C-alpha atoms as a PDB file:
ATOM      1  CA  MET A   1     -12.245 -61.083 -17.643  1.00  0.00           C
ATOM      2  CA  LYS A   2      -9.413 -59.998 -15.510  1.00  0.00           C
ATOM      3  CA  ALA A   3      -9.164 -63.211 -14.059  1.00  0.00           C
ATOM      4  CA  ASN A   4      -8.556 -64.875 -17.396  1.00  0.00           C
ATOM      5  CA  GLU A   5      -6.749 -61.869 -19.160  1.00  0.00           C
ATOM      6  CA  PRO A   6      -7.101 -63.298 -22.855  1.00  0.00           C
ATOM      7  CA  ASN A   7      -4.339 -62.306 -25.151  1.00  0.00           C
ATOM      8  CA  ASP A   8      -5.927 -62.457 -28.358  1.00  0.00           C
ATOM      9  CA  PHE A   9      -9.333 -63.005 -29.973  1.00  0.00           C
ATOM     10  CA  ALA A  10      -9.101 -66.823 -30.189  1.00  0.00           C
ATOM     11  CA  VAL A  11      -8.777 -66.867 -26.295  1.00  0.00           C
ATOM     12  CA  MET A  12     -11.448 -64.312 -25.706  1.00  0.00           C
ATOM     13  CA  LYS A  13     -13.694 -66.519 -27.922  1.00  0.00           C
ATOM     14  CA  GLN A  14     -13.008 -69.557 -26.009  1.00  0.00           C
ATOM     15  CA  LEU A  15     -13.835 -67.595 -22.787  1.00  0.00           C
ATOM     16  CA  PHE A  16     -16.761 -65.837 -24.346  1.00  0.00           C
ATOM     17  CA  PRO A  17     -18.291 -67.865 -27.088  1.00  0.00           C
ATOM     18  CA  ALA A  18     -21.107 -65.181 -27.483  1.00  0.00           C
ATOM     19  CA  VAL A  19     -18.457 -62.661 -28.861  1.00  0.00           C
ATOM     20  CA  ASP A  20     -18.046 -61.349 -32.323  1.00  0.00           C
ATOM     21  CA  LYS A  21     -15.445 -59.115 -33.943  1.00  0.00           C
ATOM     22  CA  VAL A  22     -16.785 -56.354 -36.102  1.00  0.00           C
ATOM     23  CA  GLY A  23     -13.840 -54.271 -37.439  1.00  0.00           C
ATOM     24  CA  LYS A  24     -11.866 -52.698 -34.493  1.00  0.00           C
ATOM     25  CA  PHE A  25     -14.857 -53.680 -32.049  1.00  0.00           C
ATOM     26  CA  HIS A  26     -15.874 -56.582 -29.972  1.00  0.00           C
ATOM     27  CA  VAL A  27     -19.560 -57.301 -30.015  1.00  0.00           C
ATOM     28  CA  PHE A  28     -20.740 -59.071 -26.859  1.00  0.00           C
ATOM     29  CA  ASP A  29     -24.209 -60.987 -26.551  1.00  0.00           C
ATOM     30  CA  ILE A  30     -25.428 -60.293 -23.113  1.00  0.00           C
ATOM     31  CA  GLY A  31     -28.833 -60.334 -21.134  1.00  0.00           C
ATOM     32  CA  GLY A  32     -30.132 -63.316 -22.974  1.00  0.00           C
ATOM     33  CA  ASN A  33     -29.092 -62.055 -26.360  1.00  0.00           C
ATOM     34  CA  LYS A  34     -31.442 -58.979 -25.669  1.00  0.00           C
ATOM     35  CA  ILE A  35     -28.289 -56.422 -25.095  1.00  0.00           C
ATOM     36  CA  ARG A  36     -25.180 -55.906 -27.110  1.00  0.00           C
ATOM     37  CA  LEU A  37     -21.914 -54.672 -25.354  1.00  0.00           C
ATOM     38  CA  ILE A  38     -19.621 -53.043 -28.121  1.00  0.00           C
ATOM     39  CA  ALA A  39     -16.028 -52.660 -26.931  1.00  0.00           C
ATOM     40  CA  VAL A  40     -12.737 -52.081 -28.005  1.00  0.00           C
ATOM     41  CA  VAL A  41     -10.193 -54.590 -26.373  1.00  0.00           C
ATOM     42  CA  MET A  42      -6.450 -53.650 -26.075  1.00  0.00           C
ATOM     43  CA  TYR A  43      -4.950 -57.254 -25.301  1.00  0.00           C
ATOM     44  CA  ARG A  44      -1.194 -55.963 -25.000  1.00  0.00           C
ATOM     45  CA  ALA A  45      -2.721 -52.972 -22.644  1.00  0.00           C
ATOM     46  CA  LYS A  46      -5.025 -55.076 -20.882  1.00  0.00           C
ATOM     47  CA  LYS A  47      -7.593 -52.831 -21.242  1.00  0.00           C
ATOM     48  CA  VAL A  48     -11.254 -52.847 -22.423  1.00  0.00           C
ATOM     49  CA  TYR A  49     -13.214 -49.601 -23.422  1.00  0.00           C
ATOM     50  CA  ILE A  50     -16.697 -49.871 -23.553  1.00  0.00           C
ATOM     51  CA  ARG A  51     -18.152 -48.073 -26.449  1.00  0.00           C
ATOM     52  CA  HIS A  52     -21.978 -48.688 -26.334  1.00  0.00           C
ATOM     53  CA  VAL A  53     -24.447 -50.762 -24.642  1.00  0.00           C
ATOM     54  CA  LEU A  54     -27.357 -51.176 -26.796  1.00  0.00           C
ATOM     55  CA  SER A  55     -30.620 -53.127 -27.301  1.00  0.00           C
ATOM     56  CA  HIS A  56     -30.949 -55.518 -30.149  1.00  0.00           C
ATOM     57  CA  SER A  57     -32.901 -53.198 -32.115  1.00  0.00           C
ATOM     58  CA  GLU A  58     -30.533 -50.404 -31.610  1.00  0.00           C
ATOM     59  CA  TYR A  59     -27.753 -52.587 -32.477  1.00  0.00           C
ATOM     60  CA  ASP A  60     -29.272 -53.735 -35.830  1.00  0.00           C
ATOM     61  CA  LYS A  61     -29.797 -49.987 -36.807  1.00  0.00           C
ATOM     62  CA  GLY A  62     -25.880 -50.162 -37.202  1.00  0.00           C
ATOM     63  CA  CYS A  63     -25.057 -46.310 -36.293  1.00  0.00           C
ATOM     64  CA  TRP A  64     -22.655 -47.653 -33.694  1.00  0.00           C
ATOM     65  CA  LYS A  65     -20.321 -48.596 -36.513  1.00  0.00           C
ATOM     66  CA  GLU A  66     -19.720 -44.989 -37.531  1.00  0.00           C
ATOM     67  CA  ASP A  67     -17.558 -44.458 -34.474  1.00  0.00           C
END
């Protein structure tokens, strides 16, 4: 991600087609769609804060949305 430095979600989606925006979080499908990496992306500050790395079943429970 550092090599590309996306400046908004549209550019992020072009770079990482398996990312979705859920509220304030970016949800990346990784590991062959078995793992979800949930992060807060601060485009202006060029920072990514990883909040959770969850299995598909943990993600589906939705508890991570309470953060």
